[in-house]
Amino acid sequence: MIAEDRYCVDILNQTSAAVSALRRVEDVVMENHLNTCVADAMRSDDPALKQEKTAEVMDVIARFRKHG
């Protein structure tokens, strides 16, 4: 679009749509991770694994808060 010298607002609309689509993908991936990897860890008898997954999720939450 830039190479075609399209109107700036049209480009912004397209980039916004792309960002929204990627955020939806992130949500699906995170939900899958919680329902599989994290759930399996929480069901395990390994306290270190449980702590590792808890810390991992907290780290992801902290990083995504920065994206606002």
C-alpha atoms as a PDB file:
ATOM      1  CA  MET A   1       0.000   0.000   0.000  1.00  0.00           C
ATOM      2  CA  ILE A   2       2.854   2.359   0.768  1.00  0.00           C
ATOM      3  CA  ALA A   3       4.557   1.532  -2.520  1.00  0.00           C
ATOM      4  CA  GLU A   4       1.248   2.275  -4.244  1.00  0.00           C
ATOM      5  CA  ASP A   5       1.124   5.667  -2.440  1.00  0.00           C
ATOM      6  CA  ARG A   6      -2.196   4.828  -0.825  1.00  0.00           C
ATOM      7  CA  TYR A   7      -3.928   7.258   1.503  1.00  0.00           C
ATOM      8  CA  CYS A   8      -2.305   7.214   4.978  1.00  0.00           C
ATOM      9  CA  VAL A   9      -5.574   6.584   6.832  1.00  0.00           C
ATOM     10  CA  ASP A  10      -6.274   3.554   4.624  1.00  0.00           C
ATOM     11  CA  ILE A  11      -2.843   2.171   5.528  1.00  0.00           C
ATOM     12  CA  LEU A  12      -3.488   2.796   9.228  1.00  0.00           C
ATOM     13  CA  ASN A  13      -6.831   0.992   8.977  1.00  0.00           C
ATOM     14  CA  GLN A  14      -5.138  -2.016   7.408  1.00  0.00           C
ATOM     15  CA  THR A  15      -2.336  -2.151   9.964  1.00  0.00           C
ATOM     16  CA  SER A  16      -4.881  -1.856  12.765  1.00  0.00           C
ATOM     17  CA  ALA A  17      -6.843  -4.778  11.324  1.00  0.00           C
ATOM     18  CA  ALA A  18      -3.656  -6.849  11.085  1.00  0.00           C
ATOM     19  CA  VAL A  19      -2.729  -6.099  14.707  1.00  0.00           C
ATOM     20  CA  SER A  20      -6.248  -7.043  15.850  1.00  0.00           C
ATOM     21  CA  ALA A  21      -6.053 -10.335  13.966  1.00  0.00           C
ATOM     22  CA  LEU A  22      -2.680 -11.151  15.545  1.00  0.00           C
ATOM     23  CA  ARG A  23      -4.048 -10.387  19.010  1.00  0.00           C
ATOM     24  CA  ARG A  24      -6.881 -12.848  18.404  1.00  0.00           C
ATOM     25  CA  VAL A  25      -4.299 -15.462  17.401  1.00  0.00           C
ATOM     26  CA  GLU A  26      -2.368 -14.721  20.602  1.00  0.00           C
ATOM     27  CA  ASP A  27      -5.546 -15.247  22.614  1.00  0.00           C
ATOM     28  CA  VAL A  28      -6.184 -18.630  20.988  1.00  0.00           C
ATOM     29  CA  VAL A  29      -2.593 -19.759  21.531  1.00  0.00           C
ATOM     30  CA  MET A  30      -2.652 -18.644  25.178  1.00  0.00           C
ATOM     31  CA  GLU A  31      -5.969 -20.372  25.813  1.00  0.00           C
ATOM     32  CA  ASN A  32      -4.603 -23.573  24.294  1.00  0.00           C
ATOM     33  CA  HIS A  33      -1.442 -23.298  26.398  1.00  0.00           C
ATOM     34  CA  LEU A  34      -3.486 -22.843  29.578  1.00  0.00           C
ATOM     35  CA  ASN A  35      -5.767 -25.762  28.728  1.00  0.00           C
ATOM     36  CA  THR A  36      -2.909 -28.126  27.902  1.00  0.00           C
ATOM     37  CA  CYS A  37       0.594 -27.353  29.153  1.00  0.00           C
ATOM     38  CA  VAL A  38      -0.399 -25.372  32.230  1.00  0.00           C
ATOM     39  CA  ALA A  39      -3.310 -27.648  33.160  1.00  0.00           C
ATOM     40  CA  ASP A  40      -1.069 -30.720  32.851  1.00  0.00           C
ATOM     41  CA  ALA A  41       1.551 -29.093  35.072  1.00  0.00           C
ATOM     42  CA  MET A  42      -1.036 -28.166  37.708  1.00  0.00           C
ATOM     43  CA  ARG A  43      -2.320 -31.755  37.774  1.00  0.00           C
ATOM     44  CA  SER A  44       1.182 -33.128  38.221  1.00  0.00           C
ATOM     45  CA  ASP A  45       2.763 -34.002  41.529  1.00  0.00           C
ATOM     46  CA  ASP A  46       5.811 -31.895  40.713  1.00  0.00           C
ATOM     47  CA  PRO A  47       5.830 -28.650  42.736  1.00  0.00           C
ATOM     48  CA  ALA A  48       8.757 -27.282  40.711  1.00  0.00           C
ATOM     49  CA  LEU A  49       6.848 -27.771  37.457  1.00  0.00           C
ATOM     50  CA  LYS A  50       3.787 -26.079  38.932  1.00  0.00           C
ATOM     51  CA  GLN A  51       5.907 -23.112  40.037  1.00  0.00           C
ATOM     52  CA  GLU A  52       7.626 -22.955  36.655  1.00  0.00           C
ATOM     53  CA  LYS A  53       4.312 -22.778  34.777  1.00  0.00           C
ATOM     54  CA  THR A  54       2.890 -20.225  37.222  1.00  0.00           C
ATOM     55  CA  ALA A  55       5.955 -18.010  36.758  1.00  0.00           C
ATOM     56  CA  GLU A  56       5.750 -18.456  32.999  1.00  0.00           C
ATOM     57  CA  VAL A  57       2.110 -17.343  32.875  1.00  0.00           C
ATOM     58  CA  MET A  58       2.807 -14.380  35.138  1.00  0.00           C
ATOM     59  CA  ASP A  59       5.680 -13.346  32.849  1.00  0.00           C
ATOM     60  CA  VAL A  60       3.426 -13.531  29.794  1.00  0.00           C
ATOM     61  CA  ILE A  61       0.749 -11.459  31.536  1.00  0.00           C
ATOM     62  CA  ALA A  62       3.332  -8.823  32.502  1.00  0.00           C
ATOM     63  CA  ARG A  63       4.656  -8.592  28.941  1.00  0.00           C
ATOM     64  CA  PHE A  64       1.178  -8.278  27.430  1.00  0.00           C
ATOM     65  CA  ARG A  65       0.187  -5.535  29.860  1.00  0.00           C
ATOM     66  CA  LYS A  66       2.963  -3.429  28.343  1.00  0.00           C
ATOM     67  CA  HIS A  67       1.358  -3.781  24.899  1.00  0.00           C
ATOM     68  CA  GLY A  68      -1.821  -2.158  26.215  1.00  0.00           C
END
